Amino acid sequence: MADHVDMLISIPPKYAVSQVVGFIKGKSAIWLARVYGESKRNFVGQHFWARGYFVSTVGRDEEVVREYIRSQEKEDERLEQLSLFR
């Protein structure tokens, strides 16, 4: 998605959600900076991700959440196609 990321992940109970989200955000920001940033610069102090995040438990509605994520991707593609005609 252009302005956000939807993820469906399973976190073992021994890990805190905030710890896992922080790890994912940190490692992905470092990777993006190395791949797409200036290799001469140190990216300390710069921010890629927003500070917040939303978390919800899925339980037995996992398939509903999976379908929601899939439909968001399709909707984004549809809107992108419509913007070509403007």
PDB file of N, CA and C in Angstrom:
ATOM      1  N   MET A   1       0.841  -1.179   0.000  1.00  0.00           N
ATOM      2  CA  MET A   1       0.000   0.000   0.000  1.00  0.00           C
ATOM      3  C   MET A   1       0.893   1.252   0.000  1.00  0.00           C
ATOM      4  N   ALA A   2       0.379   2.271  -0.582  1.00  0.00           N
ATOM      5  CA  ALA A   2       1.178   3.490  -0.718  1.00  0.00           C
ATOM      6  C   ALA A   2       1.431   4.191   0.613  1.00  0.00           C
ATOM      7  N   ASP A   3       0.477   4.130   1.528  1.00  0.00           N
ATOM      8  CA  ASP A   3       0.623   4.902   2.753  1.00  0.00           C
ATOM      9  C   ASP A   3       0.626   4.075   4.036  1.00  0.00           C
ATOM     10  N   HIS A   4       0.535   2.756   3.938  1.00  0.00           N
ATOM     11  CA  HIS A   4       0.597   1.932   5.137  1.00  0.00           C
ATOM     12  C   HIS A   4       0.919   0.485   4.773  1.00  0.00           C
ATOM     13  N   VAL A   5       1.185  -0.299   5.795  1.00  0.00           N
ATOM     14  CA  VAL A   5       1.528  -1.707   5.618  1.00  0.00           C
ATOM     15  C   VAL A   5       0.563  -2.540   6.439  1.00  0.00           C
ATOM     16  N   ASP A   6      -0.064  -3.531   5.811  1.00  0.00           N
ATOM     17  CA  ASP A   6      -0.882  -4.502   6.537  1.00  0.00           C
ATOM     18  C   ASP A   6      -0.082  -5.791   6.645  1.00  0.00           C
ATOM     19  N   MET A   7      -0.016  -6.338   7.845  1.00  0.00           N
ATOM     20  CA  MET A   7       0.694  -7.601   8.055  1.00  0.00           C
ATOM     21  C   MET A   7      -0.149  -8.501   8.942  1.00  0.00           C
ATOM     22  N   LEU A   8      -0.132  -9.778   8.639  1.00  0.00           N
ATOM     23  CA  LEU A   8      -0.775 -10.770   9.489  1.00  0.00           C
ATOM     24  C   LEU A   8       0.336 -11.702   9.946  1.00  0.00           C
ATOM     25  N   ILE A   9       0.721 -11.582  11.205  1.00  0.00           N
ATOM     26  CA  ILE A   9       1.811 -12.396  11.722  1.00  0.00           C
ATOM     27  C   ILE A   9       1.376 -13.091  13.007  1.00  0.00           C
ATOM     28  N   SER A  10       2.047 -14.170  13.300  1.00  0.00           N
ATOM     29  CA  SER A  10       1.807 -14.903  14.537  1.00  0.00           C
ATOM     30  C   SER A  10       3.006 -14.682  15.452  1.00  0.00           C
ATOM     31  N   ILE A  11       2.734 -14.239  16.665  1.00  0.00           N
ATOM     32  CA  ILE A  11       3.801 -13.952  17.626  1.00  0.00           C
ATOM     33  C   ILE A  11       3.675 -14.920  18.797  1.00  0.00           C
ATOM     34  N   PRO A  12       4.720 -15.684  19.089  1.00  0.00           N
ATOM     35  CA  PRO A  12       4.663 -16.578  20.248  1.00  0.00           C
ATOM     36  C   PRO A  12       4.436 -15.777  21.533  1.00  0.00           C
ATOM     37  N   PRO A  13       3.733 -16.342  22.491  1.00  0.00           N
ATOM     38  CA  PRO A  13       3.396 -15.609  23.718  1.00  0.00           C
ATOM     39  C   PRO A  13       4.605 -15.117  24.521  1.00  0.00           C
ATOM     40  N   LYS A  14       5.772 -15.708  24.303  1.00  0.00           N
ATOM     41  CA  LYS A  14       6.937 -15.288  25.085  1.00  0.00           C
ATOM     42  C   LYS A  14       7.504 -13.938  24.623  1.00  0.00           C
ATOM     43  N   TYR A  15       7.038 -13.423  23.476  1.00  0.00           N
ATOM     44  CA  TYR A  15       7.507 -12.133  22.968  1.00  0.00           C
ATOM     45  C   TYR A  15       6.422 -11.082  23.123  1.00  0.00           C
ATOM     46  N   ALA A  16       6.832  -9.881  23.496  1.00  0.00           N
ATOM     47  CA  ALA A  16       5.896  -8.760  23.575  1.00  0.00           C
ATOM     48  C   ALA A  16       5.627  -8.246  22.163  1.00  0.00           C
ATOM     49  N   VAL A  17       4.386  -7.879  21.900  1.00  0.00           N
ATOM     50  CA  VAL A  17       4.009  -7.352  20.593  1.00  0.00           C
ATOM     51  C   VAL A  17       4.868  -6.135  20.250  1.00  0.00           C
ATOM     52  N   SER A  18       5.051  -5.239  21.200  1.00  0.00           N
ATOM     53  CA  SER A  18       5.846  -4.032  20.950  1.00  0.00           C
ATOM     54  C   SER A  18       7.281  -4.375  20.579  1.00  0.00           C
ATOM     55  N   GLN A  19       7.826  -5.433  21.167  1.00  0.00           N
ATOM     56  CA  GLN A  19       9.186  -5.866  20.860  1.00  0.00           C
ATOM     57  C   GLN A  19       9.284  -6.351  19.405  1.00  0.00           C
ATOM     58  N   VAL A  20       8.313  -7.140  18.981  1.00  0.00           N
ATOM     59  CA  VAL A  20       8.314  -7.678  17.617  1.00  0.00           C
ATOM     60  C   VAL A  20       8.102  -6.560  16.599  1.00  0.00           C
ATOM     61  N   VAL A  21       7.154  -5.675  16.854  1.00  0.00           N
ATOM     62  CA  VAL A  21       6.891  -4.564  15.929  1.00  0.00           C
ATOM     63  C   VAL A  21       8.118  -3.655  15.842  1.00  0.00           C
ATOM     64  N   GLY A  22       8.723  -3.367  16.971  1.00  0.00           N
ATOM     65  CA  GLY A  22       9.938  -2.548  16.979  1.00  0.00           C
ATOM     66  C   GLY A  22      11.063  -3.186  16.174  1.00  0.00           C
ATOM     67  N   PHE A  23      11.212  -4.493  16.320  1.00  0.00           N
ATOM     68  CA  PHE A  23      12.235  -5.220  15.571  1.00  0.00           C
ATOM     69  C   PHE A  23      11.968  -5.135  14.065  1.00  0.00           C
ATOM     70  N   ILE A  24      10.729  -5.408  13.663  1.00  0.00           N
ATOM     71  CA  ILE A  24      10.369  -5.367  12.238  1.00  0.00           C
ATOM     72  C   ILE A  24      10.580  -3.967  11.665  1.00  0.00           C
ATOM     73  N   LYS A  25      10.126  -2.943  12.371  1.00  0.00           N
ATOM     74  CA  LYS A  25      10.290  -1.579  11.890  1.00  0.00           C
ATOM     75  C   LYS A  25      11.770  -1.194  11.811  1.00  0.00           C
ATOM     76  N   GLY A  26      12.520  -1.557  12.831  1.00  0.00           N
ATOM     77  CA  GLY A  26      13.937  -1.200  12.863  1.00  0.00           C
ATOM     78  C   GLY A  26      14.730  -1.858  11.756  1.00  0.00           C
ATOM     79  N   LYS A  27      14.589  -3.172  11.624  1.00  0.00           N
ATOM     80  CA  LYS A  27      15.353  -3.903  10.600  1.00  0.00           C
ATOM     81  C   LYS A  27      14.943  -3.491   9.185  1.00  0.00           C
ATOM     82  N   SER A  28      13.642  -3.283   8.960  1.00  0.00           N
ATOM     83  CA  SER A  28      13.206  -2.899   7.616  1.00  0.00           C
ATOM     84  C   SER A  28      13.670  -1.483   7.273  1.00  0.00           C
ATOM     85  N   ALA A  29      13.680  -0.571   8.243  1.00  0.00           N
ATOM     86  CA  ALA A  29      14.155   0.793   7.985  1.00  0.00           C
ATOM     87  C   ALA A  29      15.645   0.793   7.651  1.00  0.00           C
ATOM     88  N   ILE A  30      16.416  -0.012   8.369  1.00  0.00           N
ATOM     89  CA  ILE A  30      17.852  -0.116   8.085  1.00  0.00           C
ATOM     90  C   ILE A  30      18.064  -0.674   6.681  1.00  0.00           C
ATOM     91  N   TRP A  31      17.334  -1.722   6.337  1.00  0.00           N
ATOM     92  CA  TRP A  31      17.471  -2.340   5.019  1.00  0.00           C
ATOM     93  C   TRP A  31      17.106  -1.352   3.915  1.00  0.00           C
ATOM     94  N   LEU A  32      15.990  -0.646   4.084  1.00  0.00           N
ATOM     95  CA  LEU A  32      15.560   0.326   3.071  1.00  0.00           C
ATOM     96  C   LEU A  32      16.581   1.453   2.920  1.00  0.00           C
ATOM     97  N   ALA A  33      17.144   1.895   4.032  1.00  0.00           N
ATOM     98  CA  ALA A  33      18.144   2.958   3.973  1.00  0.00           C
ATOM     99  C   ALA A  33      19.381   2.489   3.225  1.00  0.00           C
ATOM    100  N   ARG A  34      19.785   1.261   3.451  1.00  0.00           N
ATOM    101  CA  ARG A  34      20.973   0.735   2.761  1.00  0.00           C
ATOM    102  C   ARG A  34      20.725   0.518   1.277  1.00  0.00           C
ATOM    103  N   VAL A  35      19.547   0.024   0.940  1.00  0.00           N
ATOM    104  CA  VAL A  35      19.257  -0.297  -0.456  1.00  0.00           C
ATOM    105  C   VAL A  35      18.931   0.955  -1.265  1.00  0.00           C
ATOM    106  N   TYR A  36      18.115   1.850  -0.704  1.00  0.00           N
ATOM    107  CA  TYR A  36      17.630   2.992  -1.470  1.00  0.00           C
ATOM    108  C   TYR A  36      18.230   4.329  -1.057  1.00  0.00           C
ATOM    109  N   GLY A  37      18.971   4.341   0.021  1.00  0.00           N
ATOM    110  CA  GLY A  37      19.548   5.596   0.499  1.00  0.00           C
ATOM    111  C   GLY A  37      20.947   5.807  -0.030  1.00  0.00           C
ATOM    112  N   GLU A  38      21.527   6.901   0.398  1.00  0.00           N
ATOM    113  CA  GLU A  38      22.901   7.196   0.024  1.00  0.00           C
ATOM    114  C   GLU A  38      23.825   6.347   0.885  1.00  0.00           C
ATOM    115  N   SER A  39      24.659   5.547   0.271  1.00  0.00           N
ATOM    116  CA  SER A  39      25.525   4.645   1.027  1.00  0.00           C
ATOM    117  C   SER A  39      26.619   5.391   1.792  1.00  0.00           C
ATOM    118  N   LYS A  40      26.847   6.660   1.446  1.00  0.00           N
ATOM    119  CA  LYS A  40      27.875   7.440   2.126  1.00  0.00           C
ATOM    120  C   LYS A  40      27.399   7.983   3.470  1.00  0.00           C
ATOM    121  N   ARG A  41      26.091   8.027   3.657  1.00  0.00           N
ATOM    122  CA  ARG A  41      25.530   8.654   4.866  1.00  0.00           C
ATOM    123  C   ARG A  41      25.203   7.639   5.935  1.00  0.00           C
ATOM    124  N   ASN A  42      25.268   8.090   7.156  1.00  0.00           N
ATOM    125  CA  ASN A  42      24.795   7.300   8.289  1.00  0.00           C
ATOM    126  C   ASN A  42      23.375   7.790   8.589  1.00  0.00           C
ATOM    127  N   PHE A  43      22.413   6.899   8.689  1.00  0.00           N
ATOM    128  CA  PHE A  43      21.004   7.289   8.830  1.00  0.00           C
ATOM    129  C   PHE A  43      20.552   7.405  10.281  1.00  0.00           C
ATOM    130  N   VAL A  44      21.444   7.549  11.195  1.00  0.00           N
ATOM    131  CA  VAL A  44      21.090   7.686  12.606  1.00  0.00           C
ATOM    132  C   VAL A  44      20.277   8.960  12.795  1.00  0.00           C
ATOM    133  N   GLY A  45      19.199   8.866  13.535  1.00  0.00           N
ATOM    134  CA  GLY A  45      18.376  10.030  13.833  1.00  0.00           C
ATOM    135  C   GLY A  45      17.294  10.319  12.815  1.00  0.00           C
ATOM    136  N   GLN A  46      17.270   9.611  11.694  1.00  0.00           N
ATOM    137  CA  GLN A  46      16.218   9.811  10.712  1.00  0.00           C
ATOM    138  C   GLN A  46      15.102   8.802  10.954  1.00  0.00           C
ATOM    139  N   HIS A  47      13.910   9.129  10.507  1.00  0.00           N
ATOM    140  CA  HIS A  47      12.753   8.273  10.763  1.00  0.00           C
ATOM    141  C   HIS A  47      12.122   7.836   9.450  1.00  0.00           C
ATOM    142  N   PHE A  48      11.844   6.559   9.350  1.00  0.00           N
ATOM    143  CA  PHE A  48      11.160   6.033   8.177  1.00  0.00           C
ATOM    144  C   PHE A  48       9.718   5.698   8.512  1.00  0.00           C
ATOM    145  N   TRP A  49       9.505   4.990   9.593  1.00  0.00           N
ATOM    146  CA  TRP A  49       8.167   4.568  10.014  1.00  0.00           C
ATOM    147  C   TRP A  49       7.553   5.580  10.977  1.00  0.00           C
ATOM    148  N   ALA A  50       6.231   5.639  10.989  1.00  0.00           N
ATOM    149  CA  ALA A  50       5.526   6.428  12.002  1.00  0.00           C
ATOM    150  C   ALA A  50       5.732   5.768  13.360  1.00  0.00           C
ATOM    151  N   ARG A  51       5.541   6.512  14.422  1.00  0.00           N
ATOM    152  CA  ARG A  51       5.792   5.981  15.758  1.00  0.00           C
ATOM    153  C   ARG A  51       4.778   4.921  16.168  1.00  0.00           C
ATOM    154  N   GLY A  52       3.546   5.066  15.756  1.00  0.00           N
ATOM    155  CA  GLY A  52       2.495   4.179  16.231  1.00  0.00           C
ATOM    156  C   GLY A  52       2.280   2.956  15.363  1.00  0.00           C
ATOM    157  N   TYR A  53       1.390   2.091  15.846  1.00  0.00           N
ATOM    158  CA  TYR A  53       0.968   0.915  15.096  1.00  0.00           C
ATOM    159  C   TYR A  53      -0.341   0.428  15.701  1.00  0.00           C
ATOM    160  N   PHE A  54      -1.064  -0.353  14.948  1.00  0.00           N
ATOM    161  CA  PHE A  54      -2.323  -0.928  15.424  1.00  0.00           C
ATOM    162  C   PHE A  54      -2.164  -2.438  15.479  1.00  0.00           C
ATOM    163  N   VAL A  55      -2.631  -3.020  16.574  1.00  0.00           N
ATOM    164  CA  VAL A  55      -2.553  -4.468  16.757  1.00  0.00           C
ATOM    165  C   VAL A  55      -3.909  -4.963  17.224  1.00  0.00           C
ATOM    166  N   SER A  56      -4.308  -6.105  16.704  1.00  0.00           N
ATOM    167  CA  SER A  56      -5.538  -6.739  17.151  1.00  0.00           C
ATOM    168  C   SER A  56      -5.338  -8.244  17.139  1.00  0.00           C
ATOM    169  N   THR A  57      -6.007  -8.925  18.030  1.00  0.00           N
ATOM    170  CA  THR A  57      -5.947 -10.381  18.004  1.00  0.00           C
ATOM    171  C   THR A  57      -6.907 -10.896  16.944  1.00  0.00           C
ATOM    172  N   VAL A  58      -6.578 -12.017  16.362  1.00  0.00           N
ATOM    173  CA  VAL A  58      -7.374 -12.557  15.272  1.00  0.00           C
ATOM    174  C   VAL A  58      -8.223 -13.723  15.750  1.00  0.00           C
ATOM    175  N   GLY A  59      -7.600 -14.687  16.394  1.00  0.00           N
ATOM    176  CA  GLY A  59      -8.339 -15.856  16.849  1.00  0.00           C
ATOM    177  C   GLY A  59      -8.968 -16.611  15.710  1.00  0.00           C
ATOM    178  N   ARG A  60     -10.236 -16.916  15.857  1.00  0.00           N
ATOM    179  CA  ARG A  60     -10.893 -17.752  14.852  1.00  0.00           C
ATOM    180  C   ARG A  60     -11.329 -16.990  13.609  1.00  0.00           C
ATOM    181  N   ASP A  61     -11.148 -15.678  13.571  1.00  0.00           N
ATOM    182  CA  ASP A  61     -11.509 -14.874  12.400  1.00  0.00           C
ATOM    183  C   ASP A  61     -10.316 -14.601  11.493  1.00  0.00           C
ATOM    184  N   GLU A  62      -9.318 -15.441  11.542  1.00  0.00           N
ATOM    185  CA  GLU A  62      -8.097 -15.219  10.762  1.00  0.00           C
ATOM    186  C   GLU A  62      -8.386 -15.109   9.270  1.00  0.00           C
ATOM    187  N   GLU A  63      -9.242 -15.949   8.741  1.00  0.00           N
ATOM    188  CA  GLU A  63      -9.531 -15.915   7.306  1.00  0.00           C
ATOM    189  C   GLU A  63     -10.205 -14.602   6.912  1.00  0.00           C
ATOM    190  N   VAL A  64     -11.019 -14.046   7.788  1.00  0.00           N
ATOM    191  CA  VAL A  64     -11.670 -12.759   7.525  1.00  0.00           C
ATOM    192  C   VAL A  64     -10.606 -11.664   7.408  1.00  0.00           C
ATOM    193  N   VAL A  65      -9.623 -11.697   8.302  1.00  0.00           N
ATOM    194  CA  VAL A  65      -8.553 -10.702   8.262  1.00  0.00           C
ATOM    195  C   VAL A  65      -7.709 -10.877   7.006  1.00  0.00           C
ATOM    196  N   ARG A  66      -7.397 -12.123   6.657  1.00  0.00           N
ATOM    197  CA  ARG A  66      -6.629 -12.376   5.425  1.00  0.00           C
ATOM    198  C   ARG A  66      -7.362 -11.809   4.204  1.00  0.00           C
ATOM    199  N   GLU A  67      -8.657 -12.026   4.140  1.00  0.00           N
ATOM    200  CA  GLU A  67      -9.445 -11.523   3.008  1.00  0.00           C
ATOM    201  C   GLU A  67      -9.481  -9.997   3.004  1.00  0.00           C
ATOM    202  N   TYR A  68      -9.567  -9.379   4.175  1.00  0.00           N
ATOM    203  CA  TYR A  68      -9.543  -7.918   4.272  1.00  0.00           C
ATOM    204  C   TYR A  68      -8.239  -7.376   3.691  1.00  0.00           C
ATOM    205  N   ILE A  69      -7.115  -7.983   4.060  1.00  0.00           N
ATOM    206  CA  ILE A  69      -5.819  -7.528   3.563  1.00  0.00           C
ATOM    207  C   ILE A  69      -5.751  -7.688   2.051  1.00  0.00           C
ATOM    208  N   ARG A  70      -6.213  -8.829   1.555  1.00  0.00           N
ATOM    209  CA  ARG A  70      -6.224  -9.053   0.100  1.00  0.00           C
ATOM    210  C   ARG A  70      -7.098  -8.017  -0.613  1.00  0.00           C
ATOM    211  N   SER A  71      -8.268  -7.736  -0.057  1.00  0.00           N
ATOM    212  CA  SER A  71      -9.178  -6.790  -0.705  1.00  0.00           C
ATOM    213  C   SER A  71      -8.616  -5.372  -0.679  1.00  0.00           C
ATOM    214  N   GLN A  72      -7.868  -5.015   0.357  1.00  0.00           N
ATOM    215  CA  GLN A  72      -7.251  -3.690   0.415  1.00  0.00           C
ATOM    216  C   GLN A  72      -6.237  -3.525  -0.703  1.00  0.00           C
ATOM    217  N   GLU A  73      -5.482  -4.565  -0.971  1.00  0.00           N
ATOM    218  CA  GLU A  73      -4.501  -4.524  -2.046  1.00  0.00           C
ATOM    219  C   GLU A  73      -5.189  -4.359  -3.402  1.00  0.00           C
ATOM    220  N   LYS A  74      -6.274  -5.100  -3.620  1.00  0.00           N
ATOM    221  CA  LYS A  74      -7.017  -5.002  -4.878  1.00  0.00           C
ATOM    222  C   LYS A  74      -7.651  -3.621  -5.031  1.00  0.00           C
ATOM    223  N   GLU A  75      -8.188  -3.091  -3.944  1.00  0.00           N
ATOM    224  CA  GLU A  75      -8.813  -1.765  -3.983  1.00  0.00           C
ATOM    225  C   GLU A  75      -7.780  -0.693  -4.309  1.00  0.00           C
ATOM    226  N   ASP A  76      -6.593  -0.812  -3.741  1.00  0.00           N
ATOM    227  CA  ASP A  76      -5.532   0.146  -4.024  1.00  0.00           C
ATOM    228  C   ASP A  76      -5.143   0.103  -5.498  1.00  0.00           C
ATOM    229  N   GLU A  77      -5.054  -1.092  -6.069  1.00  0.00           N
ATOM    230  CA  GLU A  77      -4.739  -1.229  -7.494  1.00  0.00           C
ATOM    231  C   GLU A  77      -5.847  -0.614  -8.350  1.00  0.00           C
ATOM    232  N   ARG A  78      -7.114  -0.822  -7.958  1.00  0.00           N
ATOM    233  CA  ARG A  78      -8.244  -0.268  -8.700  1.00  0.00           C
ATOM    234  C   ARG A  78      -8.213   1.255  -8.680  1.00  0.00           C
ATOM    235  N   LEU A  79      -7.969   1.832  -7.521  1.00  0.00           N
ATOM    236  CA  LEU A  79      -7.903   3.290  -7.411  1.00  0.00           C
ATOM    237  C   LEU A  79      -6.732   3.863  -8.197  1.00  0.00           C
ATOM    238  N   GLU A  80      -5.638   3.127  -8.213  1.00  0.00           N
ATOM    239  CA  GLU A  80      -4.482   3.574  -8.995  1.00  0.00           C
ATOM    240  C   GLU A  80      -4.813   3.597 -10.481  1.00  0.00           C
ATOM    241  N   GLN A  81      -5.539   2.602 -10.959  1.00  0.00           N
ATOM    242  CA  GLN A  81      -5.957   2.549 -12.357  1.00  0.00           C
ATOM    243  C   GLN A  81      -6.888   3.720 -12.690  1.00  0.00           C
ATOM    244  N   LEU A  82      -7.816   4.034 -11.775  1.00  0.00           N
ATOM    245  CA  LEU A  82      -8.741   5.145 -11.999  1.00  0.00           C
ATOM    246  C   LEU A  82      -8.006   6.474 -12.091  1.00  0.00           C
ATOM    247  N   SER A  83      -6.942   6.618 -11.323  1.00  0.00           N
ATOM    248  CA  SER A  83      -6.211   7.894 -11.334  1.00  0.00           C
ATOM    249  C   SER A  83      -5.484   8.126 -12.648  1.00  0.00           C
ATOM    250  N   LEU A  84      -5.289   7.089 -13.435  1.00  0.00           N
ATOM    251  CA  LEU A  84      -4.646   7.252 -14.743  1.00  0.00           C
ATOM    252  C   LEU A  84      -5.534   8.018 -15.715  1.00  0.00           C
ATOM    253  N   PHE A  85      -6.831   8.023 -15.482  1.00  0.00           N
ATOM    254  CA  PHE A  85      -7.770   8.675 -16.382  1.00  0.00           C
ATOM    255  C   PHE A  85      -8.032  10.131 -16.010  1.00  0.00           C
ATOM    256  N   ARG A  86      -7.413  10.631 -15.011  1.00  0.00           N
ATOM    257  CA  ARG A  86      -7.629  12.022 -14.580  1.00  0.00           C
ATOM    258  C   ARG A  86      -6.699  12.960 -15.250  1.00  0.00           C
TER     259      ARG A  86
END
